[in-house]
């Protein structure tokens, strides 16, 4: 069977995903996403696992979202379960963009507490997008176990994920404002403040929470 011009272009674009020049890889990912083909899904996912440049990874994710979820979701779920750090993190990021709730079972309590901060942050973002209706409070309980974890960026990611759950987060976060660890209490208070006043910013929320914690209160 003769190979069509579009097939040839796709093959060339897929080969260019491994080019030394990141601008070439970026254009290649754009080309593959602009002409979706089921045969492109695995090469795109495999490149996500090793691509060092953030803009290229974002284009690879976009290219994957252009393909049918029936082709992408099972492969991405497998990457979350069995891949290494970047593969898992990027697969979760892509699942959050695809928004297909058939991927929800991969978001386990162990994944939300993954020791790799990048994997955990991606899991938190994916979780609040994929959570089925009625399970938001249970998810908030799982997320609240991670309060106090990591540095500023990790804590901000978690607070944003909890805030995205709306009022469903309140019981779990409120309970955590009485945690014996002052770092956990501070993060919980800052998250509550961020929900009440998103425009205040995380730094201001943290500073206010630190003052409340130092005074021995749990906030109002």
N, C-alpha and C. Protein backbone atom coordinates (compact mmCIF):
# COMPACT_ATOMS: atom_id res chain seq x y z
N UNK A 1 0.84 -1.19 0.00
CA UNK A 1 0.00 0.00 0.00
C UNK A 1 0.89 1.25 0.00
N UNK A 2 0.55 2.20 -0.86
CA UNK A 2 1.33 3.42 -0.97
C UNK A 2 1.17 4.28 0.28
N UNK A 3 2.23 4.94 0.66
CA UNK A 3 2.19 5.82 1.82
C UNK A 3 1.77 7.21 1.39
N UNK A 4 0.75 7.77 2.04
CA UNK A 4 0.26 9.09 1.68
C UNK A 4 1.24 10.16 2.15
N UNK A 5 1.09 11.36 1.57
CA UNK A 5 1.96 12.47 1.96
C UNK A 5 1.78 12.83 3.43
N UNK A 6 0.50 12.78 3.92
CA UNK A 6 0.24 13.10 5.32
C UNK A 6 0.89 12.09 6.25
N UNK A 7 0.87 10.80 5.85
CA UNK A 7 1.52 9.77 6.66
C UNK A 7 3.02 10.02 6.74
N UNK A 8 3.60 10.40 5.61
CA UNK A 8 5.03 10.67 5.57
C UNK A 8 5.38 11.85 6.46
N UNK A 9 4.54 12.89 6.44
CA UNK A 9 4.77 14.06 7.28
C UNK A 9 4.69 13.71 8.76
N UNK A 10 3.73 12.83 9.10
CA UNK A 10 3.58 12.41 10.49
C UNK A 10 4.80 11.62 10.95
N UNK A 11 5.27 10.74 10.11
CA UNK A 11 6.46 9.94 10.44
C UNK A 11 7.65 10.86 10.67
N UNK A 12 7.80 11.86 9.82
CA UNK A 12 8.92 12.79 9.97
C UNK A 12 8.78 13.60 11.26
N UNK A 13 7.56 14.03 11.53
CA UNK A 13 7.34 14.82 12.75
C UNK A 13 7.63 13.99 13.99
N UNK A 14 7.20 12.74 14.01
CA UNK A 14 7.46 11.88 15.16
C UNK A 14 8.96 11.66 15.35
N UNK A 15 9.68 11.51 14.24
CA UNK A 15 11.13 11.35 14.34
C UNK A 15 11.78 12.61 14.88
N UNK A 16 11.21 13.77 14.53
CA UNK A 16 11.78 15.05 14.96
C UNK A 16 11.55 15.32 16.44
N UNK A 17 10.70 14.55 17.10
CA UNK A 17 10.48 14.73 18.54
C UNK A 17 11.74 14.48 19.35
N UNK A 18 12.70 13.77 18.75
CA UNK A 18 13.95 13.48 19.45
C UNK A 18 15.11 14.35 18.95
N UNK A 19 14.81 15.37 18.17
CA UNK A 19 15.85 16.25 17.64
C UNK A 19 16.58 16.99 18.77
N UNK A 20 17.85 17.34 18.54
CA UNK A 20 18.63 18.04 19.56
C UNK A 20 18.12 19.45 19.83
N UNK A 21 17.52 20.07 18.83
CA UNK A 21 17.06 21.46 18.94
C UNK A 21 15.63 21.47 19.52
N UNK A 22 15.43 22.09 20.70
CA UNK A 22 14.08 22.10 21.28
C UNK A 22 13.05 22.81 20.42
N UNK A 23 13.47 23.79 19.62
CA UNK A 23 12.51 24.47 18.75
C UNK A 23 12.01 23.53 17.66
N UNK A 24 12.87 22.63 17.21
CA UNK A 24 12.44 21.62 16.24
C UNK A 24 11.47 20.66 16.90
N UNK A 25 11.77 20.25 18.13
CA UNK A 25 10.86 19.33 18.84
C UNK A 25 9.50 20.00 19.08
N UNK A 26 9.52 21.28 19.39
CA UNK A 26 8.28 22.01 19.61
C UNK A 26 7.42 22.01 18.36
N UNK A 27 8.04 22.33 17.22
CA UNK A 27 7.29 22.35 15.96
C UNK A 27 6.80 20.95 15.59
N UNK A 28 7.60 19.95 15.92
CA UNK A 28 7.20 18.57 15.62
C UNK A 28 5.96 18.18 16.42
N UNK A 29 5.96 18.53 17.72
CA UNK A 29 4.79 18.21 18.55
C UNK A 29 3.55 18.95 18.04
N UNK A 30 3.72 20.19 17.61
CA UNK A 30 2.61 20.95 17.04
C UNK A 30 2.08 20.26 15.78
N UNK A 31 2.99 19.80 14.94
CA UNK A 31 2.58 19.14 13.71
C UNK A 31 1.83 17.84 13.99
N UNK A 32 2.32 17.07 14.95
CA UNK A 32 1.65 15.81 15.28
C UNK A 32 0.26 16.07 15.86
N UNK A 33 0.15 17.08 16.72
CA UNK A 33 -1.15 17.40 17.28
C UNK A 33 -2.12 17.97 16.27
N UNK A 34 -1.59 18.60 15.25
CA UNK A 34 -2.45 19.20 14.22
C UNK A 34 -3.01 18.16 13.26
N UNK A 35 -2.43 16.98 13.27
CA UNK A 35 -2.91 15.90 12.41
C UNK A 35 -3.02 14.63 13.24
N UNK A 36 -4.01 14.56 14.14
CA UNK A 36 -4.11 13.43 15.07
C UNK A 36 -4.17 12.09 14.36
N UNK A 37 -3.42 11.15 14.90
CA UNK A 37 -3.39 9.80 14.35
C UNK A 37 -3.17 8.84 15.51
N UNK A 38 -3.95 7.78 15.62
CA UNK A 38 -3.80 6.85 16.75
C UNK A 38 -2.38 6.33 16.93
N UNK A 39 -1.65 6.19 15.83
CA UNK A 39 -0.29 5.70 15.91
C UNK A 39 0.68 6.68 16.53
N UNK A 40 0.24 7.93 16.73
CA UNK A 40 1.11 8.94 17.32
C UNK A 40 1.05 8.96 18.84
N UNK A 41 0.04 8.32 19.42
CA UNK A 41 -0.20 8.45 20.85
C UNK A 41 0.96 7.92 21.68
N UNK A 42 1.40 6.72 21.40
CA UNK A 42 2.49 6.14 22.20
C UNK A 42 3.79 6.94 22.06
N UNK A 43 4.21 7.30 20.84
CA UNK A 43 5.43 8.12 20.74
C UNK A 43 5.33 9.45 21.49
N UNK A 44 4.17 10.07 21.46
CA UNK A 44 3.99 11.33 22.19
C UNK A 44 4.14 11.10 23.70
N UNK A 45 3.48 10.06 24.20
CA UNK A 45 3.55 9.77 25.64
C UNK A 45 4.96 9.41 26.06
N UNK A 46 5.65 8.65 25.23
CA UNK A 46 7.02 8.26 25.55
C UNK A 46 7.95 9.47 25.55
N UNK A 47 7.70 10.43 24.66
CA UNK A 47 8.54 11.63 24.64
C UNK A 47 8.26 12.50 25.87
N UNK A 48 7.00 12.55 26.31
CA UNK A 48 6.66 13.29 27.52
C UNK A 48 7.51 12.83 28.71
N UNK A 49 7.79 11.55 28.74
CA UNK A 49 8.50 10.97 29.88
C UNK A 49 9.94 11.42 29.98
N UNK A 50 10.51 11.91 28.87
CA UNK A 50 11.94 12.25 28.88
C UNK A 50 12.24 13.67 28.41
N UNK A 51 11.24 14.37 27.90
CA UNK A 51 11.46 15.72 27.35
C UNK A 51 11.91 16.69 28.44
N UNK A 52 13.08 17.33 28.27
CA UNK A 52 13.60 18.20 29.33
C UNK A 52 13.03 19.62 29.34
N UNK A 53 12.47 20.07 28.22
CA UNK A 53 12.04 21.46 28.11
C UNK A 53 10.54 21.60 28.39
N UNK A 54 10.20 22.49 29.34
CA UNK A 54 8.81 22.67 29.73
C UNK A 54 7.90 23.06 28.55
N UNK A 55 8.26 24.05 27.71
CA UNK A 55 7.36 24.41 26.61
C UNK A 55 7.09 23.25 25.65
N UNK A 56 8.10 22.42 25.45
CA UNK A 56 7.91 21.27 24.57
C UNK A 56 6.98 20.25 25.23
N UNK A 57 7.16 20.04 26.53
CA UNK A 57 6.26 19.12 27.24
C UNK A 57 4.81 19.60 27.16
N UNK A 58 4.61 20.91 27.28
CA UNK A 58 3.25 21.45 27.18
C UNK A 58 2.67 21.21 25.79
N UNK A 59 3.50 21.34 24.76
CA UNK A 59 3.01 21.09 23.41
C UNK A 59 2.72 19.61 23.20
N UNK A 60 3.54 18.74 23.80
CA UNK A 60 3.28 17.31 23.73
C UNK A 60 1.95 16.97 24.40
N UNK A 61 1.70 17.59 25.55
CA UNK A 61 0.43 17.39 26.23
C UNK A 61 -0.73 17.85 25.36
N UNK A 62 -0.57 19.04 24.76
CA UNK A 62 -1.62 19.52 23.86
C UNK A 62 -1.86 18.53 22.72
N UNK A 63 -0.78 18.01 22.15
CA UNK A 63 -0.93 17.05 21.05
C UNK A 63 -1.69 15.81 21.50
N UNK A 64 -1.42 15.36 22.72
CA UNK A 64 -2.14 14.18 23.23
C UNK A 64 -3.62 14.49 23.42
N UNK A 65 -3.95 15.70 23.86
CA UNK A 65 -5.37 16.05 24.06
C UNK A 65 -6.12 16.11 22.75
N UNK A 66 -5.42 16.20 21.64
CA UNK A 66 -6.05 16.24 20.33
C UNK A 66 -6.49 14.85 19.86
N UNK A 67 -6.03 13.83 20.56
CA UNK A 67 -6.38 12.46 20.19
C UNK A 67 -7.55 11.96 21.03
N UNK A 68 -8.16 10.89 20.58
CA UNK A 68 -9.33 10.34 21.28
C UNK A 68 -8.95 9.85 22.66
N UNK A 69 -9.74 10.18 23.70
CA UNK A 69 -9.46 9.68 25.04
C UNK A 69 -9.36 8.16 25.12
N UNK A 70 -10.10 7.48 24.26
CA UNK A 70 -10.05 6.01 24.28
C UNK A 70 -8.65 5.50 23.94
N UNK A 71 -7.88 6.32 23.22
CA UNK A 71 -6.52 5.93 22.87
C UNK A 71 -5.51 6.44 23.89
N UNK A 72 -5.77 7.61 24.45
CA UNK A 72 -4.77 8.23 25.33
C UNK A 72 -4.90 7.82 26.79
N UNK A 73 -6.12 7.77 27.31
CA UNK A 73 -6.30 7.58 28.75
C UNK A 73 -5.70 6.27 29.26
N UNK A 74 -5.94 5.12 28.62
CA UNK A 74 -5.35 3.88 29.15
C UNK A 74 -3.82 3.93 29.18
N UNK A 75 -3.22 4.53 28.15
CA UNK A 75 -1.76 4.61 28.09
C UNK A 75 -1.22 5.52 29.19
N UNK A 76 -1.91 6.64 29.42
CA UNK A 76 -1.47 7.58 30.45
C UNK A 76 -1.66 6.99 31.85
N UNK A 77 -2.73 6.26 32.06
CA UNK A 77 -2.96 5.61 33.35
C UNK A 77 -1.85 4.59 33.62
N UNK A 78 -1.47 3.86 32.59
CA UNK A 78 -0.36 2.90 32.75
C UNK A 78 0.93 3.63 33.13
N UNK A 79 1.15 4.81 32.54
CA UNK A 79 2.36 5.58 32.85
C UNK A 79 2.34 6.05 34.30
N UNK A 80 1.17 6.44 34.80
CA UNK A 80 1.06 6.86 36.19
C UNK A 80 1.38 5.70 37.12
N UNK A 81 0.92 4.54 36.77
CA UNK A 81 1.09 3.38 37.66
C UNK A 81 2.48 2.77 37.59
N UNK A 82 3.11 2.87 36.42
CA UNK A 82 4.36 2.14 36.27
C UNK A 82 5.55 2.94 35.81
N UNK A 83 5.37 4.23 35.56
CA UNK A 83 6.48 5.01 35.04
C UNK A 83 7.37 5.56 36.14
N UNK A 84 8.39 6.32 35.73
CA UNK A 84 9.25 7.01 36.67
C UNK A 84 8.72 8.42 36.88
N UNK A 85 9.46 9.21 37.68
CA UNK A 85 8.97 10.51 38.12
C UNK A 85 8.36 11.39 37.06
N UNK A 86 9.15 11.79 36.06
CA UNK A 86 8.62 12.71 35.05
C UNK A 86 7.51 12.08 34.24
N UNK A 87 7.63 10.80 33.93
CA UNK A 87 6.58 10.12 33.16
C UNK A 87 5.26 10.16 33.92
N UNK A 88 5.31 9.92 35.22
CA UNK A 88 4.10 9.90 36.03
C UNK A 88 3.51 11.30 36.17
N UNK A 89 4.39 12.26 36.45
CA UNK A 89 3.93 13.63 36.63
C UNK A 89 3.29 14.18 35.36
N UNK A 90 3.96 13.96 34.22
CA UNK A 90 3.43 14.49 32.97
C UNK A 90 2.17 13.76 32.54
N UNK A 91 2.09 12.47 32.81
CA UNK A 91 0.86 11.72 32.49
C UNK A 91 -0.31 12.26 33.29
N UNK A 92 -0.09 12.53 34.57
CA UNK A 92 -1.15 13.11 35.40
C UNK A 92 -1.55 14.49 34.91
N UNK A 93 -0.56 15.29 34.54
CA UNK A 93 -0.84 16.62 34.00
C UNK A 93 -1.71 16.50 32.75
N UNK A 94 -1.37 15.58 31.89
CA UNK A 94 -2.14 15.40 30.65
C UNK A 94 -3.55 14.90 30.95
N UNK A 95 -3.68 13.99 31.89
CA UNK A 95 -5.02 13.51 32.27
C UNK A 95 -5.88 14.65 32.81
N UNK A 96 -5.26 15.60 33.51
CA UNK A 96 -6.03 16.74 34.03
C UNK A 96 -6.52 17.62 32.89
N UNK A 97 -5.81 17.62 31.77
CA UNK A 97 -6.24 18.40 30.61
C UNK A 97 -7.31 17.67 29.80
N UNK A 98 -7.20 16.36 29.75
CA UNK A 98 -8.19 15.57 29.00
C UNK A 98 -9.53 15.53 29.73
N UNK A 99 -9.48 15.50 31.06
CA UNK A 99 -10.67 15.57 31.91
C UNK A 99 -11.64 14.39 31.70
N UNK A 100 -11.10 13.23 31.46
CA UNK A 100 -11.93 12.03 31.30
C UNK A 100 -11.95 11.30 32.64
N UNK A 101 -13.13 11.22 33.25
CA UNK A 101 -13.22 10.68 34.60
C UNK A 101 -13.00 9.17 34.67
N UNK A 102 -12.86 8.54 33.55
CA UNK A 102 -12.50 7.12 33.58
C UNK A 102 -11.10 6.93 34.17
N UNK A 103 -10.33 8.01 34.24
CA UNK A 103 -8.99 7.93 34.82
C UNK A 103 -9.00 8.06 36.34
N UNK A 104 -10.14 8.37 36.93
CA UNK A 104 -10.21 8.63 38.37
C UNK A 104 -9.63 7.51 39.25
N UNK A 105 -9.87 6.22 38.93
CA UNK A 105 -9.35 5.17 39.81
C UNK A 105 -7.84 5.19 40.01
N UNK A 106 -7.10 5.84 39.13
CA UNK A 106 -5.65 5.87 39.30
C UNK A 106 -5.24 6.83 40.43
N UNK A 107 -6.16 7.72 40.81
CA UNK A 107 -5.86 8.71 41.86
C UNK A 107 -6.12 8.08 43.22
N UNK A 108 -5.15 7.35 43.70
CA UNK A 108 -5.27 6.64 44.97
C UNK A 108 -4.73 7.49 46.12
N UNK A 109 -5.07 7.16 47.37
CA UNK A 109 -4.47 7.87 48.51
C UNK A 109 -2.95 7.83 48.48
N UNK A 110 -2.39 6.71 48.06
CA UNK A 110 -0.93 6.61 47.98
C UNK A 110 -0.37 7.59 46.95
N UNK A 111 -1.08 7.80 45.86
CA UNK A 111 -0.62 8.73 44.83
C UNK A 111 -0.67 10.16 45.36
N UNK A 112 -1.71 10.50 46.09
CA UNK A 112 -1.82 11.85 46.65
C UNK A 112 -0.69 12.13 47.64
N UNK A 113 -0.14 11.09 48.22
CA UNK A 113 0.95 11.23 49.19
C UNK A 113 2.29 10.78 48.61
N UNK A 114 2.40 10.74 47.29
CA UNK A 114 3.62 10.27 46.66
C UNK A 114 4.83 11.06 47.16
N UNK A 115 5.93 10.39 47.46
CA UNK A 115 7.10 11.11 47.99
C UNK A 115 7.75 12.07 47.01
N UNK A 116 7.51 11.89 45.73
CA UNK A 116 8.03 12.82 44.71
C UNK A 116 7.09 14.03 44.65
N UNK A 117 7.60 15.21 45.00
CA UNK A 117 6.74 16.39 45.06
C UNK A 117 6.08 16.71 43.72
N UNK A 118 6.81 16.53 42.62
CA UNK A 118 6.24 16.85 41.32
C UNK A 118 5.10 15.90 40.96
N UNK A 119 5.28 14.63 41.29
CA UNK A 119 4.20 13.65 41.07
C UNK A 119 3.00 14.00 41.94
N UNK A 120 3.25 14.29 43.21
CA UNK A 120 2.15 14.61 44.12
C UNK A 120 1.40 15.86 43.66
N UNK A 121 2.13 16.90 43.28
CA UNK A 121 1.48 18.14 42.83
C UNK A 121 0.61 17.90 41.60
N UNK A 122 1.12 17.10 40.67
CA UNK A 122 0.33 16.77 39.49
C UNK A 122 -0.89 15.94 39.85
N UNK A 123 -0.72 15.05 40.84
CA UNK A 123 -1.85 14.24 41.29
C UNK A 123 -2.93 15.10 41.93
N UNK A 124 -2.52 16.10 42.72
CA UNK A 124 -3.51 16.98 43.35
C UNK A 124 -4.31 17.74 42.30
N UNK A 125 -3.60 18.26 41.30
CA UNK A 125 -4.30 19.02 40.26
C UNK A 125 -5.23 18.12 39.46
N UNK A 126 -4.78 16.93 39.15
CA UNK A 126 -5.62 16.00 38.40
C UNK A 126 -6.83 15.56 39.22
N UNK A 127 -6.61 15.34 40.51
CA UNK A 127 -7.68 14.84 41.37
C UNK A 127 -8.88 15.77 41.40
N UNK A 128 -8.64 17.07 41.53
CA UNK A 128 -9.77 17.99 41.67
C UNK A 128 -10.53 18.15 40.35
N UNK A 129 -9.90 17.78 39.24
CA UNK A 129 -10.57 17.82 37.94
C UNK A 129 -11.35 16.53 37.70
N UNK A 130 -10.80 15.41 38.13
CA UNK A 130 -11.37 14.10 37.82
C UNK A 130 -12.34 13.56 38.86
N UNK A 131 -12.35 14.15 40.06
CA UNK A 131 -13.16 13.60 41.15
C UNK A 131 -14.64 13.51 40.75
N UNK A 132 -15.26 12.34 40.95
CA UNK A 132 -16.68 12.20 40.63
C UNK A 132 -17.55 13.02 41.58
N UNK A 133 -18.69 13.42 41.11
CA UNK A 133 -19.62 14.18 41.94
C UNK A 133 -19.98 13.38 43.18
N UNK A 134 -19.92 14.02 44.33
CA UNK A 134 -20.25 13.37 45.59
C UNK A 134 -19.05 12.85 46.35
N UNK A 135 -17.88 12.86 45.71
CA UNK A 135 -16.68 12.35 46.39
C UNK A 135 -15.70 13.46 46.75
N UNK A 136 -16.17 14.70 46.64
CA UNK A 136 -15.27 15.84 46.89
C UNK A 136 -14.79 15.90 48.34
N UNK A 137 -15.68 15.63 49.30
CA UNK A 137 -15.26 15.70 50.71
C UNK A 137 -14.24 14.63 51.03
N UNK A 138 -14.43 13.44 50.49
CA UNK A 138 -13.47 12.36 50.73
C UNK A 138 -12.11 12.72 50.13
N UNK A 139 -12.13 13.35 48.96
CA UNK A 139 -10.88 13.79 48.37
C UNK A 139 -10.22 14.86 49.24
N UNK A 140 -11.03 15.78 49.76
CA UNK A 140 -10.47 16.83 50.63
C UNK A 140 -9.78 16.23 51.85
N UNK A 141 -10.34 15.17 52.39
CA UNK A 141 -9.72 14.50 53.55
C UNK A 141 -8.34 13.97 53.16
N UNK A 142 -8.27 13.35 51.98
CA UNK A 142 -6.99 12.83 51.52
C UNK A 142 -5.98 13.94 51.27
N UNK A 143 -6.42 15.01 50.65
CA UNK A 143 -5.52 16.13 50.38
C UNK A 143 -5.05 16.80 51.67
N UNK A 144 -5.95 16.90 52.64
CA UNK A 144 -5.60 17.58 53.90
C UNK A 144 -4.50 16.86 54.65
N UNK A 145 -4.31 15.58 54.40
CA UNK A 145 -3.23 14.86 55.07
C UNK A 145 -1.86 15.36 54.62
N UNK A 146 -1.83 16.11 53.52
CA UNK A 146 -0.56 16.59 52.98
C UNK A 146 -0.27 18.04 53.38
N UNK A 147 -1.16 18.66 54.12
CA UNK A 147 -0.93 20.03 54.56
C UNK A 147 0.34 20.13 55.39
N UNK A 148 1.11 21.17 55.15
CA UNK A 148 2.38 21.35 55.83
C UNK A 148 3.56 20.77 55.10
N UNK A 149 3.29 20.10 53.99
CA UNK A 149 4.34 19.42 53.24
C UNK A 149 5.08 20.39 52.32
N UNK A 150 6.40 20.24 52.24
CA UNK A 150 7.19 20.88 51.21
C UNK A 150 7.40 22.37 51.34
N UNK A 151 7.94 22.96 50.28
CA UNK A 151 8.20 24.39 50.23
C UNK A 151 7.02 25.18 49.70
N UNK A 152 7.29 26.45 49.38
CA UNK A 152 6.22 27.35 48.99
C UNK A 152 5.42 26.84 47.79
N UNK A 153 6.10 26.42 46.73
CA UNK A 153 5.39 26.02 45.51
C UNK A 153 4.53 24.78 45.76
N UNK A 154 5.07 23.84 46.52
CA UNK A 154 4.30 22.63 46.82
C UNK A 154 3.08 22.98 47.67
N UNK A 155 3.27 23.83 48.67
CA UNK A 155 2.16 24.21 49.53
C UNK A 155 1.11 25.01 48.76
N UNK A 156 1.56 25.88 47.88
CA UNK A 156 0.60 26.66 47.07
C UNK A 156 -0.21 25.73 46.18
N UNK A 157 0.43 24.75 45.57
CA UNK A 157 -0.29 23.79 44.72
C UNK A 157 -1.38 23.07 45.50
N UNK A 158 -1.03 22.64 46.72
CA UNK A 158 -2.01 21.93 47.53
C UNK A 158 -3.16 22.84 47.94
N UNK A 159 -2.84 24.06 48.35
CA UNK A 159 -3.89 25.01 48.75
C UNK A 159 -4.82 25.29 47.58
N UNK A 160 -4.27 25.46 46.40
CA UNK A 160 -5.11 25.72 45.22
C UNK A 160 -6.02 24.54 44.93
N UNK A 161 -5.48 23.33 45.08
CA UNK A 161 -6.30 22.14 44.83
C UNK A 161 -7.45 22.07 45.83
N UNK A 162 -7.16 22.33 47.09
CA UNK A 162 -8.22 22.30 48.10
C UNK A 162 -9.25 23.40 47.86
N UNK A 163 -8.78 24.59 47.54
CA UNK A 163 -9.71 25.70 47.27
C UNK A 163 -10.60 25.38 46.08
N UNK A 164 -10.07 24.67 45.10
CA UNK A 164 -10.86 24.30 43.92
C UNK A 164 -12.04 23.39 44.27
N UNK A 165 -11.96 22.73 45.42
CA UNK A 165 -13.06 21.86 45.86
C UNK A 165 -14.20 22.64 46.50
N UNK A 166 -14.00 23.94 46.71
CA UNK A 166 -15.06 24.77 47.28
C UNK A 166 -15.37 24.40 48.72
N UNK A 167 -16.63 24.46 49.08
CA UNK A 167 -17.03 24.21 50.46
C UNK A 167 -16.76 22.78 50.91
N UNK A 168 -16.58 21.88 49.95
CA UNK A 168 -16.30 20.49 50.30
C UNK A 168 -15.00 20.34 51.08
N UNK A 169 -14.12 21.32 50.95
CA UNK A 169 -12.84 21.23 51.65
C UNK A 169 -12.94 21.62 53.12
N UNK A 170 -13.99 22.34 53.50
CA UNK A 170 -14.02 23.00 54.79
C UNK A 170 -13.87 22.06 55.99
N UNK A 171 -14.63 20.97 56.10
CA UNK A 171 -14.48 20.13 57.30
C UNK A 171 -13.06 19.60 57.49
N UNK A 172 -12.45 19.11 56.41
CA UNK A 172 -11.12 18.52 56.52
C UNK A 172 -10.07 19.57 56.87
N UNK A 173 -10.15 20.73 56.22
CA UNK A 173 -9.15 21.77 56.47
C UNK A 173 -9.36 22.39 57.85
N UNK A 174 -10.61 22.61 58.22
CA UNK A 174 -10.88 23.16 59.55
C UNK A 174 -10.34 22.25 60.64
N UNK A 175 -10.53 20.95 60.49
CA UNK A 175 -10.01 20.01 61.49
C UNK A 175 -8.49 20.09 61.58
N UNK A 176 -7.84 20.35 60.45
CA UNK A 176 -6.39 20.39 60.42
C UNK A 176 -5.84 21.68 61.03
N UNK A 177 -6.68 22.71 61.19
CA UNK A 177 -6.20 23.94 61.85
C UNK A 177 -5.90 23.70 63.33
N UNK A 178 -6.28 22.54 63.85
CA UNK A 178 -5.99 22.20 65.25
C UNK A 178 -4.93 21.10 65.35
N UNK A 179 -4.21 20.89 64.27
CA UNK A 179 -3.15 19.87 64.25
C UNK A 179 -2.03 20.27 65.22
N UNK A 180 -1.40 19.30 65.89
CA UNK A 180 -0.32 19.64 66.84
C UNK A 180 0.92 20.26 66.19
N UNK A 181 1.13 20.01 64.91
CA UNK A 181 2.30 20.57 64.23
C UNK A 181 1.98 21.99 63.77
N UNK A 182 2.74 23.01 64.23
CA UNK A 182 2.45 24.38 63.85
C UNK A 182 2.57 24.64 62.35
N UNK A 183 3.45 23.91 61.67
CA UNK A 183 3.58 24.08 60.23
C UNK A 183 2.34 23.61 59.50
N UNK A 184 1.75 22.52 59.97
CA UNK A 184 0.51 22.01 59.38
C UNK A 184 -0.64 22.98 59.66
N UNK A 185 -0.71 23.48 60.91
CA UNK A 185 -1.77 24.43 61.26
C UNK A 185 -1.67 25.69 60.40
N UNK A 186 -0.46 26.18 60.25
CA UNK A 186 -0.26 27.40 59.46
C UNK A 186 -0.73 27.21 58.02
N UNK A 187 -0.36 26.10 57.43
CA UNK A 187 -0.76 25.83 56.04
C UNK A 187 -2.28 25.70 55.93
N UNK A 188 -2.90 25.04 56.90
CA UNK A 188 -4.36 24.89 56.89
C UNK A 188 -5.04 26.25 57.00
N UNK A 189 -4.56 27.09 57.91
CA UNK A 189 -5.13 28.43 58.09
C UNK A 189 -4.94 29.27 56.83
N UNK A 190 -3.78 29.17 56.23
CA UNK A 190 -3.52 29.92 55.00
C UNK A 190 -4.45 29.47 53.88
N UNK A 191 -4.74 28.19 53.83
CA UNK A 191 -5.64 27.66 52.80
C UNK A 191 -7.06 28.19 53.01
N UNK A 192 -7.49 28.22 54.27
CA UNK A 192 -8.81 28.79 54.57
C UNK A 192 -8.86 30.26 54.16
N UNK A 193 -7.80 31.00 54.47
CA UNK A 193 -7.75 32.42 54.12
C UNK A 193 -7.79 32.59 52.60
N UNK A 194 -7.08 31.75 51.89
CA UNK A 194 -7.04 31.83 50.43
C UNK A 194 -8.42 31.55 49.84
N UNK A 195 -9.17 30.65 50.46
CA UNK A 195 -10.52 30.37 49.97
C UNK A 195 -11.43 31.59 50.17
N UNK A 196 -11.29 32.24 51.34
CA UNK A 196 -12.14 33.39 51.63
C UNK A 196 -11.77 34.60 50.77
N UNK A 197 -10.47 34.74 50.50
CA UNK A 197 -10.01 35.93 49.79
C UNK A 197 -8.93 35.54 48.78
N UNK A 198 -9.34 35.00 47.63
CA UNK A 198 -8.37 34.54 46.64
C UNK A 198 -7.43 35.64 46.15
N UNK A 199 -7.90 36.87 46.19
CA UNK A 199 -7.09 37.98 45.69
C UNK A 199 -5.99 38.39 46.67
N UNK A 200 -6.05 37.90 47.90
CA UNK A 200 -5.07 38.31 48.90
C UNK A 200 -3.68 37.76 48.58
N UNK A 201 -3.61 36.62 47.90
CA UNK A 201 -2.32 36.03 47.58
C UNK A 201 -1.86 35.07 48.66
N UNK A 202 -1.08 34.10 48.26
CA UNK A 202 -0.67 33.04 49.18
C UNK A 202 0.32 33.55 50.22
N UNK A 203 1.22 34.44 49.82
CA UNK A 203 2.21 34.94 50.78
C UNK A 203 1.53 35.65 51.94
N UNK A 204 0.56 36.50 51.61
CA UNK A 204 -0.16 37.22 52.66
C UNK A 204 -0.94 36.26 53.53
N UNK A 205 -1.54 35.25 52.89
CA UNK A 205 -2.30 34.25 53.65
C UNK A 205 -1.39 33.49 54.62
N UNK A 206 -0.20 33.14 54.16
CA UNK A 206 0.75 32.43 55.02
C UNK A 206 1.19 33.31 56.18
N UNK A 207 1.50 34.56 55.90
CA UNK A 207 1.97 35.46 56.97
C UNK A 207 0.89 35.66 58.02
N UNK A 208 -0.35 35.83 57.59
CA UNK A 208 -1.44 35.99 58.56
C UNK A 208 -1.62 34.71 59.37
N UNK A 209 -1.53 33.56 58.68
CA UNK A 209 -1.69 32.27 59.36
C UNK A 209 -0.58 32.06 60.39
N UNK A 210 0.63 32.51 60.06
CA UNK A 210 1.74 32.38 61.02
C UNK A 210 1.46 33.20 62.28
N UNK A 211 0.90 34.39 62.09
CA UNK A 211 0.59 35.23 63.26
C UNK A 211 -0.47 34.57 64.13
N UNK A 212 -1.50 34.02 63.48
CA UNK A 212 -2.57 33.35 64.23
C UNK A 212 -2.01 32.14 64.98
N UNK A 213 -1.16 31.37 64.30
CA UNK A 213 -0.57 30.19 64.93
C UNK A 213 0.30 30.59 66.12
N UNK A 214 1.09 31.65 65.96
CA UNK A 214 1.96 32.10 67.03
C UNK A 214 1.17 32.55 68.26
N UNK A 215 -0.05 33.06 68.01
CA UNK A 215 -0.90 33.50 69.12
C UNK A 215 -1.71 32.36 69.72
N UNK A 216 -1.56 31.19 69.11
CA UNK A 216 -2.23 30.01 69.65
C UNK A 216 -3.66 29.84 69.22
N UNK A 217 -4.09 30.55 68.16
CA UNK A 217 -5.46 30.44 67.69
C UNK A 217 -5.57 29.55 66.49
N UNK A 218 -6.81 29.27 66.11
CA UNK A 218 -7.08 28.47 64.90
C UNK A 218 -7.80 29.28 63.86
N UNK A 219 -7.87 30.59 64.01
CA UNK A 219 -8.54 31.40 63.02
C UNK A 219 -10.03 31.38 63.17
N UNK A 220 -10.64 32.24 62.42
CA UNK A 220 -12.10 32.31 62.44
C UNK A 220 -12.64 32.00 61.07
